[in-house]
Amino acid sequence: MTRTRLVEIERDILDKNNGIAANNRGLFVADDLLVFNLLSSPGAGKTTLLVRAVSELKCSRWVGVIEGDQQTSNDAKRIQAAGVPAVQINTGKNCHLDAAMIGDAYRRLPLLSGGILFIENVGNLICPAAFDLGETCKIVVFSITEGEDKPLKYPDVFAASSLMVINKIDLASLLEFDVGKAIEYARRVNPKIDVIVVSARTGEGFAALYAWIDRQAGRQRRAFEDKGR
């Protein structure tokens, strides 16, 4: 198969996905829903971060989670144990979630009008960056154990994300990790990216994360009101 034909196939796949993502986005907007697509490499702590976040956010708004993994329902069970509805998607050989999977999974969740939907994508910093799921925005999570240069090694995911969450800051005393350098590298790729430093284990930085989520909700609300005028 020629390179030109491969490019055509990839374009067709993305075009089809983007059409479904647009339908998803329309549904989410109609339901007044904030939707965050969480991306990371395996082991960055996305699920631990999500368990803490949804356990606390559920007290003030509706929250649901769509979990993506190649196999097992382990992560969905952890979310459900926190008292939050979750749907597991197993992608098998695929290294990312796509818009059709999300549309189907969303219909299996209870009504979340006015709330938040978190999508935990498959642990991979390459493939998921290219696929729009209809989300409000992408959030990239990476751990200080991964090194400061992750944004330079995997630029696409950082370029596509609105927020970078640096996790496991509680381990900083054990590692030589330069937070300032990590932020500098991320902003070489995406000058507008927001940054929050957290520990999913201790809860450090989560107040800043919730404040950021509230700001996204305010922006979405204002955009909706402006559109209605």
Protein backbone atom coordinates (compact mmCIF):
# COMPACT_ATOMS: atom_id res chain seq x y z
CA MET A 1 0.00 0.00 0.00
CA THR A 2 1.38 3.42 -0.96
CA ARG A 3 1.95 6.21 1.53
CA THR A 4 -0.62 8.33 -0.31
CA ARG A 5 -3.25 5.62 0.14
CA LEU A 6 -2.40 5.29 3.83
CA VAL A 7 -2.86 9.03 4.29
CA GLU A 8 -6.24 8.86 2.51
CA ILE A 9 -7.40 6.04 4.80
CA GLU A 10 -6.27 7.91 7.92
CA ARG A 11 -8.06 11.04 6.70
CA ASP A 12 -11.26 9.07 6.05
CA ILE A 13 -11.13 7.55 9.55
CA LEU A 14 -10.59 10.93 11.19
CA ASP A 15 -13.29 12.61 9.09
CA LYS A 16 -15.82 9.95 10.08
CA ASN A 17 -14.78 10.22 13.71
CA ASN A 18 -15.04 14.02 13.65
CA GLY A 19 -18.59 13.84 12.33
CA ILE A 20 -19.65 11.58 15.19
CA ALA A 21 -17.74 13.78 17.65
CA ALA A 22 -19.73 16.80 16.44
CA ASN A 23 -22.95 14.90 17.17
CA ASN A 24 -21.62 13.99 20.63
CA ARG A 25 -20.73 17.62 21.30
CA GLY A 26 -24.22 18.74 20.34
CA LEU A 27 -25.69 16.22 22.76
CA PHE A 28 -23.36 17.29 25.56
CA VAL A 29 -24.17 20.98 25.02
CA ALA A 30 -27.90 20.20 25.03
CA ASP A 31 -27.41 18.42 28.36
CA ASP A 32 -25.37 21.37 29.74
CA LEU A 33 -22.48 19.00 30.38
CA LEU A 34 -18.79 19.67 30.88
CA VAL A 35 -16.78 16.86 29.30
CA PHE A 36 -13.09 16.33 30.00
CA ASN A 37 -10.95 13.86 28.03
CA LEU A 38 -8.06 12.72 30.26
CA LEU A 39 -4.92 11.55 28.50
CA SER A 40 -1.72 10.11 29.93
CA SER A 41 0.82 7.34 29.65
CA PRO A 42 0.19 4.18 31.71
CA GLY A 43 0.97 4.63 35.39
CA ALA A 44 0.69 8.42 35.52
CA GLY A 45 -2.06 8.15 38.13
CA LYS A 46 -5.15 9.16 36.12
CA THR A 47 -7.46 6.70 37.84
CA THR A 48 -6.28 7.55 41.36
CA LEU A 49 -6.69 11.23 40.49
CA LEU A 50 -10.18 10.58 39.15
CA VAL A 51 -11.28 8.54 42.17
CA ARG A 52 -10.36 11.39 44.51
CA ALA A 53 -11.86 14.06 42.25
CA VAL A 54 -15.21 12.38 41.62
CA SER A 55 -15.56 11.40 45.29
CA GLU A 56 -15.40 15.10 46.20
CA LEU A 57 -17.16 16.64 43.20
CA LYS A 58 -20.19 14.35 43.48
CA CYS A 59 -21.23 16.29 46.59
CA SER A 60 -21.99 19.41 44.53
CA ARG A 61 -22.94 18.21 41.03
CA TRP A 62 -23.75 15.19 38.88
CA VAL A 63 -20.63 13.31 37.85
CA GLY A 64 -20.11 10.34 35.54
CA VAL A 65 -17.08 8.56 34.10
CA ILE A 66 -16.32 6.63 30.91
CA GLU A 67 -13.27 4.39 31.34
CA GLY A 68 -11.12 3.26 28.44
CA ASP A 69 -8.68 0.33 28.63
CA GLN A 70 -7.60 -2.43 26.29
CA GLN A 71 -8.83 -5.04 28.77
CA THR A 72 -10.43 -5.46 32.26
CA SER A 73 -13.05 -3.39 34.08
CA ASN A 74 -10.76 -2.67 37.04
CA ASP A 75 -10.83 1.11 36.68
CA ALA A 76 -14.60 1.36 36.26
CA LYS A 77 -15.03 -0.73 39.42
CA ARG A 78 -12.82 1.70 41.34
CA ILE A 79 -14.97 4.63 40.21
CA GLN A 80 -18.21 2.80 41.02
CA ALA A 81 -16.86 1.96 44.49
CA ALA A 82 -16.57 5.72 45.04
CA GLY A 83 -20.32 6.03 44.43
CA VAL A 84 -20.14 7.45 40.92
CA PRO A 85 -21.63 5.85 37.76
CA ALA A 86 -19.04 4.54 35.32
CA VAL A 87 -19.08 2.68 32.02
CA GLN A 88 -16.09 0.61 30.93
CA ILE A 89 -14.97 0.46 27.29
CA ASN A 90 -12.50 -2.24 26.32
CA THR A 91 -10.75 -1.32 23.09
CA GLY A 92 -9.00 -4.66 22.46
CA LYS A 93 -6.26 -4.03 19.90
CA ASN A 94 -7.05 -0.32 19.58
CA CYS A 95 -4.84 2.17 21.42
CA HIS A 96 -7.45 4.93 21.85
CA LEU A 97 -11.11 5.69 22.33
CA ASP A 98 -13.12 7.07 19.42
CA ALA A 99 -16.24 9.19 19.18
CA ALA A 100 -18.57 6.29 18.35
CA MET A 101 -17.49 4.43 21.49
CA ILE A 102 -18.19 7.53 23.59
CA GLY A 103 -21.60 8.13 22.06
CA ASP A 104 -22.64 4.57 22.86
CA ALA A 105 -21.20 4.64 26.39
CA TYR A 106 -22.81 7.99 27.22
CA ARG A 107 -26.26 6.57 26.49
CA ARG A 108 -25.59 3.87 29.11
CA LEU A 109 -24.99 6.43 31.87
CA PRO A 110 -27.75 8.04 33.94
CA LEU A 111 -28.76 11.61 33.10
CA LEU A 112 -25.96 14.01 34.09
CA SER A 113 -27.54 17.33 33.05
CA GLY A 114 -25.60 20.29 34.39
CA GLY A 115 -22.78 18.05 35.61
CA ILE A 116 -19.41 16.69 34.53
CA LEU A 117 -18.42 13.72 32.42
CA PHE A 118 -14.83 12.52 32.72
CA ILE A 119 -13.47 10.31 29.95
CA GLU A 120 -10.36 8.39 30.99
CA ASN A 121 -8.69 7.50 27.72
CA VAL A 122 -6.43 4.52 27.10
CA GLY A 123 -2.96 5.00 28.59
CA ASN A 124 -1.09 6.26 25.54
CA LEU A 125 0.40 9.66 24.68
CA ILE A 126 0.24 9.25 20.88
CA CYS A 127 -2.97 7.88 19.34
CA PRO A 128 -5.60 9.51 21.63
CA ALA A 129 -4.35 13.00 20.83
CA ALA A 130 -5.65 12.78 17.25
CA PHE A 131 -9.23 11.75 18.07
CA ASP A 132 -11.91 14.28 18.96
CA LEU A 133 -14.54 12.66 21.19
CA GLY A 134 -16.82 15.67 21.44
CA GLU A 135 -15.22 16.78 24.70
CA THR A 136 -15.12 20.30 26.08
CA CYS A 137 -11.34 19.99 26.28
CA LYS A 138 -8.46 17.58 26.75
CA ILE A 139 -6.45 17.31 29.96
CA VAL A 140 -3.01 15.68 29.91
CA VAL A 141 -1.76 14.10 33.12
CA PHE A 142 1.86 13.18 33.64
CA SER A 143 3.83 12.05 36.65
CA ILE A 144 7.07 13.52 37.93
CA THR A 145 8.48 9.99 37.70
CA GLU A 146 8.32 10.31 33.90
CA GLY A 147 10.81 13.18 33.60
CA GLU A 148 10.51 16.85 32.62
CA ASP A 149 10.91 16.29 28.88
CA LYS A 150 7.61 14.45 28.25
CA PRO A 151 6.10 17.51 26.46
CA LEU A 152 9.02 17.56 24.02
CA LYS A 153 8.92 13.80 23.39
CA TYR A 154 5.14 13.68 22.84
CA PRO A 155 4.24 17.20 21.64
CA ASP A 156 0.92 16.43 19.95
CA VAL A 157 -0.93 15.54 23.15
CA PHE A 158 0.37 18.63 24.95
CA ALA A 159 -0.47 20.83 21.97
CA ALA A 160 -4.04 19.49 21.96
CA SER A 161 -4.63 19.87 25.70
CA SER A 162 -6.03 22.85 27.59
CA LEU A 163 -4.59 21.74 30.94
CA MET A 164 -1.47 19.88 32.03
CA VAL A 165 -1.72 18.19 35.43
CA ILE A 166 1.65 17.27 36.92
CA ASN A 167 0.92 14.42 39.34
CA LYS A 168 2.75 12.68 42.20
CA ILE A 169 4.33 15.88 43.51
CA ASP A 170 4.47 14.16 46.92
CA LEU A 171 7.45 12.22 45.53
CA ALA A 172 9.40 15.37 44.68
CA SER A 173 11.75 15.01 47.65
CA LEU A 174 12.82 11.58 46.35
CA LEU A 175 13.40 12.59 42.74
CA GLU A 176 15.31 15.23 40.84
CA PHE A 177 12.39 16.77 38.98
CA ASP A 178 12.36 20.39 37.84
CA VAL A 179 8.74 21.58 37.76
CA GLY A 180 9.69 24.88 36.16
CA LYS A 181 11.50 23.11 33.33
CA ALA A 182 8.52 20.80 32.70
CA ILE A 183 6.24 23.83 32.44
CA GLU A 184 8.71 25.61 30.16
CA TYR A 185 8.83 22.60 27.83
CA ALA A 186 5.03 22.31 27.76
CA ARG A 187 4.66 25.99 26.86
CA ARG A 188 7.16 25.66 24.04
CA VAL A 189 4.66 23.26 22.51
CA ASN A 190 1.49 25.03 23.67
CA PRO A 191 1.95 28.59 25.01
CA LYS A 192 -1.66 28.72 26.23
CA ILE A 193 -1.70 25.49 28.26
CA ASP A 194 -2.76 25.84 31.91
CA VAL A 195 -0.73 23.96 34.52
CA ILE A 196 -1.69 22.52 37.91
CA VAL A 197 0.61 20.52 40.17
CA VAL A 198 -1.09 17.88 42.32
CA SER A 199 -0.74 14.77 44.41
CA ALA A 200 -3.58 12.34 43.82
CA ARG A 201 -2.45 10.49 46.95
CA THR A 202 -2.48 13.41 49.41
CA GLY A 203 -4.92 15.79 47.71
CA GLU A 204 -2.38 18.58 47.30
CA GLY A 205 -3.39 20.91 44.46
CA PHE A 206 -6.94 19.62 44.11
CA ALA A 207 -8.48 22.92 45.25
CA ALA A 208 -6.74 24.56 42.27
CA LEU A 209 -8.03 21.79 39.99
CA TYR A 210 -11.61 22.32 41.14
CA ALA A 211 -11.26 26.09 40.70
CA TRP A 212 -10.06 25.47 37.14
CA ILE A 213 -13.09 23.23 36.48
CA ASP A 214 -15.39 25.95 37.82
CA ARG A 215 -13.82 28.44 35.42
CA GLN A 216 -14.46 26.09 32.49
CA ALA A 217 -18.08 25.79 33.60
CA GLY A 218 -18.37 29.59 33.72
CA ARG A 219 -16.88 29.96 30.25
CA GLN A 220 -19.21 27.35 28.82
CA ARG A 221 -22.20 29.01 30.44
CA ARG A 222 -21.27 32.43 29.06
CA ALA A 223 -20.68 31.00 25.59
CA PHE A 224 -24.11 29.34 25.69
CA GLU A 225 -25.78 32.57 26.81
CA ASP A 226 -24.01 34.60 24.12
CA LYS A 227 -25.11 32.09 21.47
CA GLY A 228 -28.72 32.45 22.60
CA ARG A 229 -28.77 36.21 22.19
